[in-house]
Amino acid sequence: EADTGPIGGSFSHEFMVLSNSGEDDIVSCQDCRYASNLEKTEIAVRESGSKNIEKEEDLQVVDTPEIKTIDEVTKFLSIGPEKLVKTLIYQTENGPIAALVRGDHDLNEIKLRNVLNIQELTMADQETVFDVTGAPMGFAGAIDLKVRILADFAIREMKNMVMGANKKDKHVLNVNEGRDFQVEQYADLRMITSSDP
């Protein structure tokens, strides 16, 4: 399977030849013989019974001076990247949006574009990020955003997340969806990893 692009319909297959060099990566399942282009691969959604029942803790804003990247934040706060949420601001033909993925996951822009049913999708520039969040790049978070928020299904399983505080040199701990911010739509928005079922 392959992505059809913005005007290609909803179904596509492409012929791939395995080689040590090339332009695409593929994902395959040896049990069911399914294969797809990495960008098209759908990730199995965990059943709602696996929802995290951890107790919600109080919000806590912490100083993170000039600490912006996932690696920097995890080292500074002594946490794993799976506790962090990346709040990625994108510009679309309908205005800016926010997309949330776990810190150890990568957003799949093709999936995001398809979920939004749009053709134009670009990472927001510094000025747009500041207009949307009130903070420079590296400190964006989902709390109090006035734009549409979409999130990968993995966010639904998280409690007491860490994300940017929408203030320069600040991050916020113990963020919980529903209490602290609202997700308009959950969807499969990320690249598959080797640990996915």
Protein backbone atom coordinates (compact mmCIF):
# COMPACT_ATOMS: atom_id res chain seq x y z
CA GLU A 1 0.00 0.00 0.00
CA ALA A 2 1.07 3.58 -0.63
CA ASP A 3 -0.24 7.08 -0.04
CA THR A 4 -2.15 8.44 -3.03
CA GLY A 5 -1.31 12.09 -2.47
CA PRO A 6 -3.81 14.94 -2.25
CA ILE A 7 -5.65 14.18 -5.50
CA GLY A 8 -5.01 10.49 -6.03
CA GLY A 9 -8.11 8.94 -4.47
CA SER A 10 -8.22 6.65 -1.47
CA PHE A 11 -6.47 3.47 -2.65
CA SER A 12 -3.02 2.83 -4.12
CA HIS A 13 -0.46 0.07 -4.44
CA GLU A 14 3.12 0.43 -5.60
CA PHE A 15 5.73 -2.10 -6.64
CA MET A 16 8.80 -2.01 -4.39
CA VAL A 17 12.13 -3.77 -4.84
CA LEU A 18 14.30 -4.36 -1.79
CA SER A 19 17.73 -2.75 -2.03
CA ASN A 20 20.39 -1.19 0.17
CA SER A 21 19.65 2.25 -1.28
CA GLY A 22 16.44 3.89 -2.35
CA GLU A 23 13.98 6.64 -1.59
CA ASP A 24 11.37 4.81 0.51
CA ASP A 25 11.22 2.58 3.54
CA ILE A 26 8.70 -0.24 3.80
CA VAL A 27 7.07 -1.99 6.72
CA SER A 28 6.02 -5.62 6.51
CA CYS A 29 4.41 -8.22 8.74
CA GLN A 30 5.72 -11.75 8.37
CA ASP A 31 2.63 -13.22 10.05
CA CYS A 32 -0.02 -11.72 7.77
CA ARG A 33 2.11 -10.80 4.72
CA TYR A 34 0.98 -7.15 4.83
CA ALA A 35 3.41 -4.57 3.51
CA SER A 36 3.21 -0.84 2.99
CA ASN A 37 5.23 2.28 2.46
CA LEU A 38 6.40 3.63 5.84
CA GLU A 39 4.32 6.80 5.40
CA LYS A 40 1.13 4.79 4.74
CA THR A 41 1.49 2.20 7.52
CA GLU A 42 -1.43 2.25 9.92
CA ILE A 43 -0.74 1.62 13.59
CA ALA A 44 -2.98 -0.73 15.56
CA VAL A 45 -4.98 1.20 18.15
CA ARG A 46 -4.85 -0.23 21.64
CA GLU A 47 -8.19 -1.16 23.15
CA SER A 48 -9.66 1.40 25.55
CA GLY A 49 -9.23 -1.10 28.40
CA SER A 50 -5.50 -0.35 28.41
CA LYS A 51 -6.14 3.29 29.38
CA ASN A 52 -3.72 4.62 31.99
CA ILE A 53 -5.35 4.79 35.45
CA GLU A 54 -2.49 6.71 37.09
CA LYS A 55 -3.67 9.40 39.54
CA GLU A 56 -3.70 12.92 38.08
CA GLU A 57 -1.15 15.13 39.85
CA ASP A 58 -1.25 18.93 40.24
CA LEU A 59 0.20 21.06 37.44
CA GLN A 60 3.72 22.26 38.08
CA VAL A 61 5.57 24.84 35.95
CA VAL A 62 9.35 24.38 35.96
CA ASP A 63 12.21 26.50 34.66
CA THR A 64 13.94 25.00 31.63
CA PRO A 65 16.40 27.73 30.55
CA GLU A 66 17.27 27.41 26.85
CA ILE A 67 16.21 23.74 27.01
CA LYS A 68 14.07 23.04 23.94
CA THR A 69 14.69 19.62 22.39
CA ILE A 70 13.29 16.29 23.57
CA ASP A 71 16.81 15.08 24.46
CA GLU A 72 17.60 18.24 26.42
CA VAL A 73 14.29 18.21 28.33
CA THR A 74 14.47 14.50 29.21
CA LYS A 75 18.03 14.85 30.52
CA PHE A 76 17.25 18.04 32.45
CA LEU A 77 14.09 16.61 34.08
CA SER A 78 15.45 13.02 34.39
CA ILE A 79 12.45 11.47 32.62
CA GLY A 80 11.95 9.22 29.61
CA PRO A 81 10.84 10.71 26.27
CA GLU A 82 7.59 8.71 26.48
CA LYS A 83 6.47 11.13 29.26
CA LEU A 84 6.88 14.16 26.99
CA VAL A 85 4.43 15.51 24.44
CA LYS A 86 5.59 17.36 21.33
CA THR A 87 3.19 20.18 20.47
CA LEU A 88 3.84 20.82 16.79
CA ILE A 89 2.32 23.90 15.17
CA TYR A 90 1.48 23.64 11.47
CA GLN A 91 0.14 26.13 8.95
CA THR A 92 -2.68 24.91 6.68
CA GLU A 93 -4.86 26.55 4.06
CA ASN A 94 -7.45 26.86 6.87
CA GLY A 95 -5.07 28.48 9.37
CA PRO A 96 -2.74 27.12 12.04
CA ILE A 97 -3.35 23.86 13.92
CA ALA A 98 -1.56 21.97 16.69
CA ALA A 99 -0.63 18.29 16.41
CA LEU A 100 0.42 16.31 19.49
CA VAL A 101 2.66 13.24 19.50
CA ARG A 102 4.53 11.48 22.27
CA GLY A 103 8.14 12.58 22.75
CA ASP A 104 9.54 9.27 21.52
CA HIS A 105 7.36 9.26 18.38
CA ASP A 106 7.67 11.11 15.07
CA LEU A 107 4.71 12.83 13.44
CA ASN A 108 3.73 11.55 10.01
CA GLU A 109 2.82 14.66 7.99
CA ILE A 110 1.09 12.62 5.29
CA LYS A 111 -1.26 11.07 7.84
CA LEU A 112 -1.93 14.51 9.37
CA ARG A 113 -2.68 16.01 5.95
CA ASN A 114 -5.04 13.14 5.15
CA VAL A 115 -6.87 13.41 8.50
CA LEU A 116 -7.33 17.14 7.95
CA ASN A 117 -8.37 16.52 4.32
CA ILE A 118 -6.17 19.37 3.11
CA GLN A 119 -3.50 19.88 0.47
CA GLU A 120 -1.28 22.53 2.10
CA LEU A 121 0.56 21.60 5.29
CA THR A 122 3.81 23.22 6.38
CA MET A 123 5.60 23.47 9.69
CA ALA A 124 4.82 26.89 11.15
CA ASP A 125 7.53 29.52 11.14
CA GLN A 126 8.78 31.20 14.33
CA GLU A 127 6.37 34.12 13.98
CA THR A 128 3.32 31.85 13.65
CA VAL A 129 4.46 29.67 16.57
CA PHE A 130 4.76 32.81 18.71
CA ASP A 131 1.35 34.10 17.55
CA VAL A 132 -0.30 30.76 18.43
CA THR A 133 1.52 29.96 21.69
CA GLY A 134 2.94 33.23 23.00
CA ALA A 135 6.34 31.53 23.21
CA PRO A 136 9.32 30.84 20.97
CA MET A 137 9.82 27.47 19.29
CA GLY A 138 10.74 24.74 21.75
CA PHE A 139 8.28 25.78 24.46
CA ALA A 140 4.90 25.09 22.81
CA GLY A 141 2.27 23.21 24.77
CA ALA A 142 -1.43 22.40 24.40
CA ILE A 143 -2.74 24.36 27.40
CA ASP A 144 -4.85 27.42 26.48
CA LEU A 145 -4.26 27.13 22.73
CA LYS A 146 -6.94 28.80 20.62
CA VAL A 147 -6.35 26.60 17.56
CA ARG A 148 -7.63 23.18 16.59
CA ILE A 149 -5.76 20.42 18.48
CA LEU A 150 -5.32 16.97 16.98
CA ALA A 151 -3.47 14.20 18.81
CA ASP A 152 -2.07 10.81 18.05
CA PHE A 153 -3.90 7.91 19.73
CA ALA A 154 -0.89 7.35 22.04
CA ILE A 155 -1.64 10.67 23.79
CA ARG A 156 -5.00 9.27 24.92
CA GLU A 157 -3.12 6.69 27.03
CA MET A 158 -0.96 9.27 28.84
CA LYS A 159 -1.32 10.81 32.30
CA ASN A 160 0.80 13.49 33.98
CA MET A 161 2.47 14.50 30.72
CA VAL A 162 5.29 17.00 30.32
CA MET A 163 5.03 19.68 27.64
CA GLY A 164 6.01 23.23 26.87
CA ALA A 165 4.30 25.85 29.06
CA ASN A 166 3.78 28.37 26.22
CA LYS A 167 6.29 30.60 28.01
CA LYS A 168 9.97 31.08 27.19
CA ASP A 169 12.24 28.80 29.24
CA LYS A 170 9.31 26.98 30.91
CA HIS A 171 7.80 23.51 30.75
CA VAL A 172 4.83 22.18 32.67
CA LEU A 173 4.60 18.83 34.47
CA ASN A 174 1.53 16.70 35.23
CA VAL A 175 -0.57 17.86 32.28
CA ASN A 176 -3.72 15.81 31.68
CA GLU A 177 -6.05 15.86 28.69
CA GLY A 178 -9.61 16.77 29.62
CA ARG A 179 -8.58 18.70 32.71
CA ASP A 180 -5.88 20.96 31.24
CA PHE A 181 -6.56 20.95 27.50
CA GLN A 182 -9.03 19.47 25.02
CA VAL A 183 -8.22 17.36 21.98
CA GLU A 184 -10.63 17.96 19.12
CA GLN A 185 -9.71 14.77 17.29
CA TYR A 186 -7.62 11.68 17.97
CA ALA A 187 -6.13 9.87 14.97
CA ASP A 188 -3.20 7.74 13.86
CA LEU A 189 -0.71 10.57 13.27
CA ARG A 190 2.70 9.01 13.79
CA MET A 191 5.32 6.88 12.12
CA ILE A 192 5.37 3.24 13.12
CA THR A 193 8.24 1.99 15.29
CA SER A 194 9.79 -1.45 15.68
CA SER A 195 8.05 -1.85 19.07
CA ASP A 196 4.53 -1.45 17.61
CA PRO A 197 2.38 -4.59 17.29
